[in-house]
All heavy atoms as atom14 arrays in JSON, in Angstrom:
{
  "sequence": "AKRVAENAPLTNYALMHALPRIAEQPADQGFFTEALMAAIAQSAPDA",
  "atom14_mask": [
    [1, 1, 1, 1, 1, 0, 0, 0, 0, 0, 0, 0, 0, 0],
    [1, 1, 1, 1, 1, 1, 1, 1, 1, 0, 0, 0, 0, 0],
    [1, 1, 1, 1, 1, 1, 1, 1, 1, 1, 1, 0, 0, 0],
    [1, 1, 1, 1, 1, 1, 1, 0, 0, 0, 0, 0, 0, 0],
    [1, 1, 1, 1, 1, 0, 0, 0, 0, 0, 0, 0, 0, 0],
    [1, 1, 1, 1, 1, 1, 1, 1, 1, 0, 0, 0, 0, 0],
    [1, 1, 1, 1, 1, 1, 1, 1, 0, 0, 0, 0, 0, 0],
    [1, 1, 1, 1, 1, 0, 0, 0, 0, 0, 0, 0, 0, 0],
    [1, 1, 1, 1, 1, 1, 1, 0, 0, 0, 0, 0, 0, 0],
    [1, 1, 1, 1, 1, 1, 1, 1, 0, 0, 0, 0, 0, 0],
    [1, 1, 1, 1, 1, 1, 1, 0, 0, 0, 0, 0, 0, 0],
    [1, 1, 1, 1, 1, 1, 1, 1, 0, 0, 0, 0, 0, 0],
    [1, 1, 1, 1, 1, 1, 1, 1, 1, 1, 1, 1, 0, 0],
    [1, 1, 1, 1, 1, 0, 0, 0, 0, 0, 0, 0, 0, 0],
    [1, 1, 1, 1, 1, 1, 1, 1, 0, 0, 0, 0, 0, 0],
    [1, 1, 1, 1, 1, 1, 1, 1, 0, 0, 0, 0, 0, 0],
    [1, 1, 1, 1, 1, 1, 1, 1, 1, 1, 0, 0, 0, 0],
    [1, 1, 1, 1, 1, 0, 0, 0, 0, 0, 0, 0, 0, 0],
    [1, 1, 1, 1, 1, 1, 1, 1, 0, 0, 0, 0, 0, 0],
    [1, 1, 1, 1, 1, 1, 1, 0, 0, 0, 0, 0, 0, 0],
    [1, 1, 1, 1, 1, 1, 1, 1, 1, 1, 1, 0, 0, 0],
    [1, 1, 1, 1, 1, 1, 1, 1, 0, 0, 0, 0, 0, 0],
    [1, 1, 1, 1, 1, 0, 0, 0, 0, 0, 0, 0, 0, 0],
    [1, 1, 1, 1, 1, 1, 1, 1, 1, 0, 0, 0, 0, 0],
    [1, 1, 1, 1, 1, 1, 1, 1, 1, 0, 0, 0, 0, 0],
    [1, 1, 1, 1, 1, 1, 1, 0, 0, 0, 0, 0, 0, 0],
    [1, 1, 1, 1, 1, 0, 0, 0, 0, 0, 0, 0, 0, 0],
    [1, 1, 1, 1, 1, 1, 1, 1, 0, 0, 0, 0, 0, 0],
    [1, 1, 1, 1, 1, 1, 1, 1, 1, 0, 0, 0, 0, 0],
    [1, 1, 1, 1, 0, 0, 0, 0, 0, 0, 0, 0, 0, 0],
    [1, 1, 1, 1, 1, 1, 1, 1, 1, 1, 1, 0, 0, 0],
    [1, 1, 1, 1, 1, 1, 1, 1, 1, 1, 1, 0, 0, 0],
    [1, 1, 1, 1, 1, 1, 1, 0, 0, 0, 0, 0, 0, 0],
    [1, 1, 1, 1, 1, 1, 1, 1, 1, 0, 0, 0, 0, 0],
    [1, 1, 1, 1, 1, 0, 0, 0, 0, 0, 0, 0, 0, 0],
    [1, 1, 1, 1, 1, 1, 1, 1, 0, 0, 0, 0, 0, 0],
    [1, 1, 1, 1, 1, 1, 1, 1, 0, 0, 0, 0, 0, 0],
    [1, 1, 1, 1, 1, 0, 0, 0, 0, 0, 0, 0, 0, 0],
    [1, 1, 1, 1, 1, 0, 0, 0, 0, 0, 0, 0, 0, 0],
    [1, 1, 1, 1, 1, 1, 1, 1, 0, 0, 0, 0, 0, 0],
    [1, 1, 1, 1, 1, 0, 0, 0, 0, 0, 0, 0, 0, 0],
    [1, 1, 1, 1, 1, 1, 1, 1, 1, 0, 0, 0, 0, 0],
    [1, 1, 1, 1, 1, 1, 0, 0, 0, 0, 0, 0, 0, 0],
    [1, 1, 1, 1, 1, 0, 0, 0, 0, 0, 0, 0, 0, 0],
    [1, 1, 1, 1, 1, 1, 1, 0, 0, 0, 0, 0, 0, 0],
    [1, 1, 1, 1, 1, 1, 1, 1, 0, 0, 0, 0, 0, 0],
    [1, 1, 1, 1, 1, 0, 0, 0, 0, 0, 0, 0, 0, 0]
  ],
  "atom14_positions": [
    [[-58.19, 25.66, 36.09], [-59.37, 24.91, 36.49], [-59.25, 23.44, 36.11], [-59.63, 22.55, 36.89], [-60.62, 25.52, 35.86], [0.0, 0.0, 0.0], [0.0, 0.0, 0.0], [0.0, 0.0, 0.0], [0.0, 0.0, 0.0], [0.0, 0.0, 0.0], [0.0, 0.0, 0.0], [0.0, 0.0, 0.0], [0.0, 0.0, 0.0], [0.0, 0.0, 0.0]],
    [[-58.71, 23.17, 34.93], [-58.53, 21.78, 34.52], [-57.53, 21.07, 35.43], [-57.69, 19.89, 35.76], [-58.07, 21.72, 33.06], [-59.17, 22.1, 32.08], [-58.69, 22.05, 30.63], [-59.81, 22.37, 29.66], [-59.36, 22.36, 28.24], [0.0, 0.0, 0.0], [0.0, 0.0, 0.0], [0.0, 0.0, 0.0], [0.0, 0.0, 0.0], [0.0, 0.0, 0.0]],
    [[-56.49, 21.8, 35.85], [-55.52, 21.22, 36.77], [-56.16, 20.96, 38.14], [-55.97, 19.88, 38.73], [-54.33, 22.16, 36.92], [-53.15, 21.57, 37.71], [-52.05, 22.61, 37.88], [-51.64, 23.2, 36.61], [-50.82, 24.24, 36.5], [-50.33, 24.8, 37.61], [-50.48, 24.71, 35.32], [0.0, 0.0, 0.0], [0.0, 0.0, 0.0], [0.0, 0.0, 0.0]],
    [[-56.93, 21.92, 38.64], [-57.61, 21.78, 39.93], [-58.59, 20.62, 39.9], [-58.74, 19.88, 40.88], [-58.32, 23.1, 40.28], [-59.29, 22.92, 41.44], [-57.3, 24.19, 40.61], [0.0, 0.0, 0.0], [0.0, 0.0, 0.0], [0.0, 0.0, 0.0], [0.0, 0.0, 0.0], [0.0, 0.0, 0.0], [0.0, 0.0, 0.0], [0.0, 0.0, 0.0]],
    [[-59.26, 20.44, 38.76], [-60.26, 19.37, 38.63], [-59.64, 17.98, 38.76], [-60.35, 17.0, 39.02], [-60.99, 19.5, 37.3], [0.0, 0.0, 0.0], [0.0, 0.0, 0.0], [0.0, 0.0, 0.0], [0.0, 0.0, 0.0], [0.0, 0.0, 0.0], [0.0, 0.0, 0.0], [0.0, 0.0, 0.0], [0.0, 0.0, 0.0], [0.0, 0.0, 0.0]],
    [[-58.32, 17.87, 38.57], [-57.64, 16.58, 38.69], [-57.34, 16.21, 40.14], [-56.98, 15.07, 40.42], [-56.35, 16.61, 37.89], [-56.55, 16.76, 36.38], [-55.23, 16.9, 35.64], [-54.19, 17.03, 36.3], [-55.26, 16.89, 34.4], [0.0, 0.0, 0.0], [0.0, 0.0, 0.0], [0.0, 0.0, 0.0], [0.0, 0.0, 0.0], [0.0, 0.0, 0.0]],
    [[-57.46, 17.16, 41.06], [-57.16, 16.9, 42.46], [-58.19, 15.95, 43.07], [-59.3, 15.79, 42.55], [-57.15, 18.19, 43.27], [-56.05, 19.12, 42.88], [-55.07, 18.72, 42.26], [-56.19, 20.4, 43.24], [0.0, 0.0, 0.0], [0.0, 0.0, 0.0], [0.0, 0.0, 0.0], [0.0, 0.0, 0.0], [0.0, 0.0, 0.0], [0.0, 0.0, 0.0]],
    [[-57.83, 15.37, 44.2], [-58.79, 14.59, 44.96], [-59.92, 15.51, 45.43], [-59.65, 16.56, 46.03], [-58.11, 13.93, 46.16], [0.0, 0.0, 0.0], [0.0, 0.0, 0.0], [0.0, 0.0, 0.0], [0.0, 0.0, 0.0], [0.0, 0.0, 0.0], [0.0, 0.0, 0.0], [0.0, 0.0, 0.0], [0.0, 0.0, 0.0], [0.0, 0.0, 0.0]],
    [[-61.18, 15.16, 45.17], [-62.28, 16.05, 45.52], [-62.32, 16.44, 47.0], [-62.63, 17.59, 47.32], [-63.53, 15.23, 45.13], [-63.06, 14.32, 44.05], [-61.64, 13.96, 44.41], [0.0, 0.0, 0.0], [0.0, 0.0, 0.0], [0.0, 0.0, 0.0], [0.0, 0.0, 0.0], [0.0, 0.0, 0.0], [0.0, 0.0, 0.0], [0.0, 0.0, 0.0]],
    [[-61.98, 15.51, 47.88], [-62.04, 15.83, 49.3], [-60.97, 16.84, 49.7], [-61.19, 17.69, 50.57], [-61.91, 14.56, 50.14], [-62.23, 14.7, 51.63], [-63.6, 15.3, 51.85], [-62.12, 13.33, 52.32], [0.0, 0.0, 0.0], [0.0, 0.0, 0.0], [0.0, 0.0, 0.0], [0.0, 0.0, 0.0], [0.0, 0.0, 0.0], [0.0, 0.0, 0.0]],
    [[-59.81, 16.77, 49.05], [-58.77, 17.77, 49.31], [-59.22, 19.14, 48.84], [-59.05, 20.14, 49.55], [-57.46, 17.37, 48.62], [-56.99, 16.13, 49.14], [-56.38, 18.43, 48.85], [0.0, 0.0, 0.0], [0.0, 0.0, 0.0], [0.0, 0.0, 0.0], [0.0, 0.0, 0.0], [0.0, 0.0, 0.0], [0.0, 0.0, 0.0], [0.0, 0.0, 0.0]],
    [[-59.81, 19.21, 47.65], [-60.34, 20.49, 47.18], [-61.4, 21.03, 48.13], [-61.43, 22.22, 48.44], [-60.95, 20.32, 45.78], [-59.91, 20.33, 44.68], [-58.75, 20.63, 44.92], [-60.32, 20.0, 43.47], [0.0, 0.0, 0.0], [0.0, 0.0, 0.0], [0.0, 0.0, 0.0], [0.0, 0.0, 0.0], [0.0, 0.0, 0.0], [0.0, 0.0, 0.0]],
    [[-62.26, 20.15, 48.62], [-63.3, 20.58, 49.56], [-62.67, 21.13, 50.84], [-63.11, 22.17, 51.36], [-64.21, 19.4, 49.89], [-65.42, 19.77, 50.7], [-66.6, 20.19, 50.09], [-65.39, 19.73, 52.1], [-67.72, 20.54, 50.84], [-66.49, 20.08, 52.85], [-67.65, 20.49, 52.22], [-68.76, 20.85, 52.97], [0.0, 0.0, 0.0], [0.0, 0.0, 0.0]],
    [[-61.63, 20.47, 51.32], [-60.97, 20.94, 52.53], [-60.35, 22.31, 52.33], [-60.41, 23.18, 53.21], [-59.9, 19.94, 52.96], [0.0, 0.0, 0.0], [0.0, 0.0, 0.0], [0.0, 0.0, 0.0], [0.0, 0.0, 0.0], [0.0, 0.0, 0.0], [0.0, 0.0, 0.0], [0.0, 0.0, 0.0], [0.0, 0.0, 0.0], [0.0, 0.0, 0.0]],
    [[-59.76, 22.53, 51.15], [-59.13, 23.83, 50.88], [-60.17, 24.94, 50.78], [-59.9, 26.08, 51.16], [-58.33, 23.74, 49.58], [-57.07, 22.89, 49.68], [-56.48, 22.63, 48.3], [-56.04, 23.55, 50.58], [0.0, 0.0, 0.0], [0.0, 0.0, 0.0], [0.0, 0.0, 0.0], [0.0, 0.0, 0.0], [0.0, 0.0, 0.0], [0.0, 0.0, 0.0]],
    [[-61.35, 24.62, 50.3], [-62.41, 25.63, 50.18], [-63.11, 25.9, 51.5], [-63.43, 27.05, 51.81], [-63.48, 25.15, 49.18], [-63.01, 24.99, 47.75], [-64.22, 24.04, 46.82], [-65.71, 24.99, 47.12], [0.0, 0.0, 0.0], [0.0, 0.0, 0.0], [0.0, 0.0, 0.0], [0.0, 0.0, 0.0], [0.0, 0.0, 0.0], [0.0, 0.0, 0.0]],
    [[-63.37, 24.85, 52.25], [-64.23, 24.97, 53.43], [-63.47, 24.97, 54.75], [-63.86, 25.68, 55.69], [-65.27, 23.85, 53.43], [-66.27, 23.95, 52.33], [-67.51, 24.53, 52.49], [-66.21, 23.59, 51.03], [-68.18, 24.5, 51.34], [-67.4, 23.93, 50.44], [0.0, 0.0, 0.0], [0.0, 0.0, 0.0], [0.0, 0.0, 0.0], [0.0, 0.0, 0.0]],
    [[-62.41, 24.17, 54.85], [-61.7, 24.08, 56.12], [-60.61, 25.12, 56.27], [-60.5, 25.78, 57.31], [-61.11, 22.68, 56.29], [0.0, 0.0, 0.0], [0.0, 0.0, 0.0], [0.0, 0.0, 0.0], [0.0, 0.0, 0.0], [0.0, 0.0, 0.0], [0.0, 0.0, 0.0], [0.0, 0.0, 0.0], [0.0, 0.0, 0.0], [0.0, 0.0, 0.0]],
    [[-59.8, 25.3, 55.22], [-58.65, 26.2, 55.35], [-59.04, 27.63, 55.74], [-58.41, 28.19, 56.65], [-57.84, 26.2, 54.05], [-56.58, 27.07, 54.06], [-55.62, 26.64, 55.16], [-55.88, 27.0, 52.7], [0.0, 0.0, 0.0], [0.0, 0.0, 0.0], [0.0, 0.0, 0.0], [0.0, 0.0, 0.0], [0.0, 0.0, 0.0], [0.0, 0.0, 0.0]],
    [[-60.06, 28.25, 55.12], [-60.4, 29.62, 55.55], [-60.83, 29.69, 57.01], [-60.54, 30.68, 57.71], [-61.55, 30.01, 54.62], [-61.42, 29.1, 53.45], [-60.89, 27.81, 53.99], [0.0, 0.0, 0.0], [0.0, 0.0, 0.0], [0.0, 0.0, 0.0], [0.0, 0.0, 0.0], [0.0, 0.0, 0.0], [0.0, 0.0, 0.0], [0.0, 0.0, 0.0]],
    [[-61.49, 28.66, 57.48], [-61.95, 28.66, 58.87], [-60.78, 28.41, 59.82], [-60.7, 29.02, 60.9], [-63.05, 27.61, 59.05], [-64.34, 27.97, 58.32], [-65.37, 26.83, 58.37], [-66.68, 27.28, 57.91], [-67.09, 27.24, 56.65], [-66.29, 26.77, 55.7], [-68.3, 27.65, 56.31], [0.0, 0.0, 0.0], [0.0, 0.0, 0.0], [0.0, 0.0, 0.0]],
    [[-59.87, 27.52, 59.43], [-58.69, 27.28, 60.25], [-57.88, 28.57, 60.4], [-57.37, 28.89, 61.48], [-57.82, 26.17, 59.63], [-58.54, 24.82, 59.74], [-56.45, 26.1, 60.29], [-57.88, 23.71, 58.95], [0.0, 0.0, 0.0], [0.0, 0.0, 0.0], [0.0, 0.0, 0.0], [0.0, 0.0, 0.0], [0.0, 0.0, 0.0], [0.0, 0.0, 0.0]],
    [[-57.76, 29.33, 59.31], [-56.98, 30.57, 59.33], [-57.54, 31.58, 60.31], [-56.81, 32.46, 60.79], [-56.91, 31.17, 57.93], [0.0, 0.0, 0.0], [0.0, 0.0, 0.0], [0.0, 0.0, 0.0], [0.0, 0.0, 0.0], [0.0, 0.0, 0.0], [0.0, 0.0, 0.0], [0.0, 0.0, 0.0], [0.0, 0.0, 0.0], [0.0, 0.0, 0.0]],
    [[-58.83, 31.49, 60.62], [-59.47, 32.45, 61.52], [-59.54, 31.93, 62.96], [-59.93, 32.67, 63.87], [-60.88, 32.76, 61.03], [-60.89, 33.48, 59.69], [-62.31, 33.71, 59.17], [-63.26, 33.36, 59.9], [-62.44, 34.22, 58.07], [0.0, 0.0, 0.0], [0.0, 0.0, 0.0], [0.0, 0.0, 0.0], [0.0, 0.0, 0.0], [0.0, 0.0, 0.0]],
    [[-59.19, 30.68, 63.19], [-59.28, 30.12, 64.53], [-58.04, 30.45, 65.35], [-56.96, 30.67, 64.8], [-59.43, 28.59, 64.45], [-60.76, 28.12, 63.89], [-60.84, 26.6, 63.8], [-59.83, 25.93, 63.59], [-62.03, 26.06, 63.95], [0.0, 0.0, 0.0], [0.0, 0.0, 0.0], [0.0, 0.0, 0.0], [0.0, 0.0, 0.0], [0.0, 0.0, 0.0]],
    [[-58.17, 30.48, 66.68], [-56.97, 30.55, 67.52], [-56.06, 29.37, 67.19], [-56.53, 28.31, 66.75], [-57.53, 30.44, 68.95], [-58.95, 30.9, 68.83], [-59.41, 30.47, 67.47], [0.0, 0.0, 0.0], [0.0, 0.0, 0.0], [0.0, 0.0, 0.0], [0.0, 0.0, 0.0], [0.0, 0.0, 0.0], [0.0, 0.0, 0.0], [0.0, 0.0, 0.0]],
    [[-54.78, 29.52, 67.4], [-53.81, 28.53, 66.95], [-54.12, 27.12, 67.46], [-54.08, 26.15, 66.69], [-52.4, 28.94, 67.36], [0.0, 0.0, 0.0], [0.0, 0.0, 0.0], [0.0, 0.0, 0.0], [0.0, 0.0, 0.0], [0.0, 0.0, 0.0], [0.0, 0.0, 0.0], [0.0, 0.0, 0.0], [0.0, 0.0, 0.0], [0.0, 0.0, 0.0]],
    [[-54.45, 26.99, 68.75], [-54.67, 25.64, 69.28], [-55.88, 24.98, 68.64], [-55.87, 23.79, 68.33], [-54.8, 25.67, 70.81], [-55.97, 26.5, 71.29], [-56.39, 27.43, 70.57], [-56.48, 26.23, 72.4], [0.0, 0.0, 0.0], [0.0, 0.0, 0.0], [0.0, 0.0, 0.0], [0.0, 0.0, 0.0], [0.0, 0.0, 0.0], [0.0, 0.0, 0.0]],
    [[-56.93, 25.76, 68.37], [-58.1, 25.2, 67.69], [-57.79, 24.9, 66.22], [-58.23, 23.89, 65.67], [-59.27, 26.18, 67.79], [-59.76, 26.4, 69.2], [-60.88, 27.43, 69.27], [-61.56, 27.69, 68.29], [-61.07, 28.02, 70.44], [0.0, 0.0, 0.0], [0.0, 0.0, 0.0], [0.0, 0.0, 0.0], [0.0, 0.0, 0.0], [0.0, 0.0, 0.0]],
    [[-57.01, 25.8, 65.6], [-56.64, 25.59, 64.21], [-55.83, 24.32, 64.03], [-56.04, 23.56, 63.07], [0.0, 0.0, 0.0], [0.0, 0.0, 0.0], [0.0, 0.0, 0.0], [0.0, 0.0, 0.0], [0.0, 0.0, 0.0], [0.0, 0.0, 0.0], [0.0, 0.0, 0.0], [0.0, 0.0, 0.0], [0.0, 0.0, 0.0], [0.0, 0.0, 0.0]],
    [[-54.87, 24.08, 64.94], [-54.07, 22.86, 64.84], [-54.95, 21.61, 64.94], [-54.75, 20.64, 64.22], [-53.0, 22.83, 65.94], [-51.9, 23.84, 65.75], [-51.41, 24.56, 66.82], [-51.34, 24.06, 64.5], [-50.4, 25.48, 66.67], [-50.33, 24.99, 64.32], [-49.86, 25.7, 65.41], [0.0, 0.0, 0.0], [0.0, 0.0, 0.0], [0.0, 0.0, 0.0]],
    [[-55.93, 21.66, 65.85], [-56.79, 20.49, 66.03], [-57.68, 20.28, 64.81], [-57.82, 19.15, 64.32], [-57.64, 20.64, 67.29], [-58.39, 19.39, 67.65], [-57.71, 18.28, 68.15], [-59.76, 19.3, 67.48], [-58.39, 17.12, 68.48], [-60.45, 18.14, 67.8], [-59.77, 17.04, 68.31], [0.0, 0.0, 0.0], [0.0, 0.0, 0.0], [0.0, 0.0, 0.0]],
    [[-58.25, 21.36, 64.3], [-59.08, 21.25, 63.09], [-58.25, 20.74, 61.92], [-58.71, 19.91, 61.13], [-59.7, 22.61, 62.74], [-60.4, 23.13, 63.87], [-60.67, 22.49, 61.57], [0.0, 0.0, 0.0], [0.0, 0.0, 0.0], [0.0, 0.0, 0.0], [0.0, 0.0, 0.0], [0.0, 0.0, 0.0], [0.0, 0.0, 0.0], [0.0, 0.0, 0.0]],
    [[-57.03, 21.23, 61.8], [-56.13, 20.75, 60.74], [-55.91, 19.25, 60.86], [-55.96, 18.51, 59.85], [-54.8, 21.48, 60.82], [-53.78, 21.01, 59.79], [-52.4, 21.58, 60.06], [-51.77, 21.16, 61.06], [-51.97, 22.43, 59.26], [0.0, 0.0, 0.0], [0.0, 0.0, 0.0], [0.0, 0.0, 0.0], [0.0, 0.0, 0.0], [0.0, 0.0, 0.0]],
    [[-55.66, 18.76, 62.06], [-55.41, 17.34, 62.27], [-56.63, 16.51, 61.87], [-56.49, 15.46, 61.22], [-55.04, 17.08, 63.73], [0.0, 0.0, 0.0], [0.0, 0.0, 0.0], [0.0, 0.0, 0.0], [0.0, 0.0, 0.0], [0.0, 0.0, 0.0], [0.0, 0.0, 0.0], [0.0, 0.0, 0.0], [0.0, 0.0, 0.0], [0.0, 0.0, 0.0]],
    [[-57.81, 16.98, 62.24], [-59.03, 16.27, 61.86], [-59.19, 16.23, 60.35], [-59.5, 15.18, 59.76], [-60.25, 16.94, 62.5], [-60.39, 16.83, 64.02], [-61.59, 17.65, 64.49], [-60.55, 15.37, 64.44], [0.0, 0.0, 0.0], [0.0, 0.0, 0.0], [0.0, 0.0, 0.0], [0.0, 0.0, 0.0], [0.0, 0.0, 0.0], [0.0, 0.0, 0.0]],
    [[-58.96, 17.36, 59.69], [-59.14, 17.43, 58.25], [-58.09, 16.59, 57.54], [-58.39, 15.91, 56.54], [-59.07, 18.88, 57.78], [-59.64, 19.11, 56.39], [-61.43, 18.85, 56.3], [-61.51, 17.37, 55.27], [0.0, 0.0, 0.0], [0.0, 0.0, 0.0], [0.0, 0.0, 0.0], [0.0, 0.0, 0.0], [0.0, 0.0, 0.0], [0.0, 0.0, 0.0]],
    [[-56.87, 16.59, 58.04], [-55.82, 15.77, 57.44], [-56.16, 14.3, 57.54], [-55.97, 13.53, 56.58], [-54.48, 16.05, 58.13], [0.0, 0.0, 0.0], [0.0, 0.0, 0.0], [0.0, 0.0, 0.0], [0.0, 0.0, 0.0], [0.0, 0.0, 0.0], [0.0, 0.0, 0.0], [0.0, 0.0, 0.0], [0.0, 0.0, 0.0], [0.0, 0.0, 0.0]],
    [[-56.68, 13.89, 58.69], [-57.05, 12.48, 58.88], [-58.18, 12.08, 57.94], [-58.17, 10.99, 57.35], [-57.44, 12.24, 60.34], [0.0, 0.0, 0.0], [0.0, 0.0, 0.0], [0.0, 0.0, 0.0], [0.0, 0.0, 0.0], [0.0, 0.0, 0.0], [0.0, 0.0, 0.0], [0.0, 0.0, 0.0], [0.0, 0.0, 0.0], [0.0, 0.0, 0.0]],
    [[-59.16, 12.95, 57.79], [-60.3, 12.64, 56.93], [-59.86, 12.57, 55.47], [-60.22, 11.64, 54.74], [-61.4, 13.7, 57.12], [-62.01, 13.59, 58.52], [-62.49, 13.54, 56.05], [-62.9, 14.74, 58.89], [0.0, 0.0, 0.0], [0.0, 0.0, 0.0], [0.0, 0.0, 0.0], [0.0, 0.0, 0.0], [0.0, 0.0, 0.0], [0.0, 0.0, 0.0]],
    [[-59.07, 13.56, 55.04], [-58.66, 13.61, 53.63], [-57.82, 12.39, 53.24], [-58.04, 11.79, 52.18], [-57.88, 14.89, 53.36], [0.0, 0.0, 0.0], [0.0, 0.0, 0.0], [0.0, 0.0, 0.0], [0.0, 0.0, 0.0], [0.0, 0.0, 0.0], [0.0, 0.0, 0.0], [0.0, 0.0, 0.0], [0.0, 0.0, 0.0], [0.0, 0.0, 0.0]],
    [[-56.88, 12.01, 54.1], [-55.98, 10.92, 53.73], [-56.66, 9.56, 53.79], [-56.14, 8.57, 53.26], [-54.74, 10.93, 54.61], [-54.98, 10.51, 56.05], [-53.73, 10.66, 56.9], [-52.79, 11.37, 56.55], [-53.7, 9.98, 58.03], [0.0, 0.0, 0.0], [0.0, 0.0, 0.0], [0.0, 0.0, 0.0], [0.0, 0.0, 0.0], [0.0, 0.0, 0.0]],
    [[-57.84, 9.5, 54.42], [-58.55, 8.22, 54.51], [-59.37, 7.91, 53.26], [-59.83, 6.78, 53.1], [-59.48, 8.23, 55.74], [-60.57, 9.13, 55.53], [0.0, 0.0, 0.0], [0.0, 0.0, 0.0], [0.0, 0.0, 0.0], [0.0, 0.0, 0.0], [0.0, 0.0, 0.0], [0.0, 0.0, 0.0], [0.0, 0.0, 0.0], [0.0, 0.0, 0.0]],
    [[-59.54, 8.88, 52.37], [-60.33, 8.65, 51.16], [-59.61, 7.68, 50.24], [-58.38, 7.74, 50.09], [-60.58, 9.98, 50.44], [0.0, 0.0, 0.0], [0.0, 0.0, 0.0], [0.0, 0.0, 0.0], [0.0, 0.0, 0.0], [0.0, 0.0, 0.0], [0.0, 0.0, 0.0], [0.0, 0.0, 0.0], [0.0, 0.0, 0.0], [0.0, 0.0, 0.0]],
    [[-60.33, 6.78, 49.58], [-59.68, 5.82, 48.67], [-58.86, 6.49, 47.58], [-57.77, 6.01, 47.23], [-60.88, 5.05, 48.08], [-61.95, 5.15, 49.12], [-61.77, 6.51, 49.74], [0.0, 0.0, 0.0], [0.0, 0.0, 0.0], [0.0, 0.0, 0.0], [0.0, 0.0, 0.0], [0.0, 0.0, 0.0], [0.0, 0.0, 0.0], [0.0, 0.0, 0.0]],
    [[-59.35, 7.6, 47.06], [-58.63, 8.33, 46.02], [-57.27, 8.8, 46.55], [-56.24, 8.7, 45.87], [-59.47, 9.51, 45.55], [-58.84, 10.23, 44.36], [-57.94, 9.66, 43.72], [-59.24, 11.37, 44.07], [0.0, 0.0, 0.0], [0.0, 0.0, 0.0], [0.0, 0.0, 0.0], [0.0, 0.0, 0.0], [0.0, 0.0, 0.0], [0.0, 0.0, 0.0]],
    [[-57.26, 9.32, 47.77], [-56.01, 9.8, 48.36], [-55.03, 8.65, 48.58], [-53.82, 8.78, 48.32], [-56.3, 10.51, 49.68], [0.0, 0.0, 0.0], [0.0, 0.0, 0.0], [0.0, 0.0, 0.0], [0.0, 0.0, 0.0], [0.0, 0.0, 0.0], [0.0, 0.0, 0.0], [0.0, 0.0, 0.0], [0.0, 0.0, 0.0], [0.0, 0.0, 0.0]]
  ]
}
């Protein structure tokens, strides 16, 4: 938990909220959702 707490908060949020949903989407939708989440996460100042 202490190690996880050091991560960028938006990346942790993506792993909790986006990844499970991406895993359940058809591949083409999952790829698009992944691209959106990657773009959002990397735009954070912390990232």
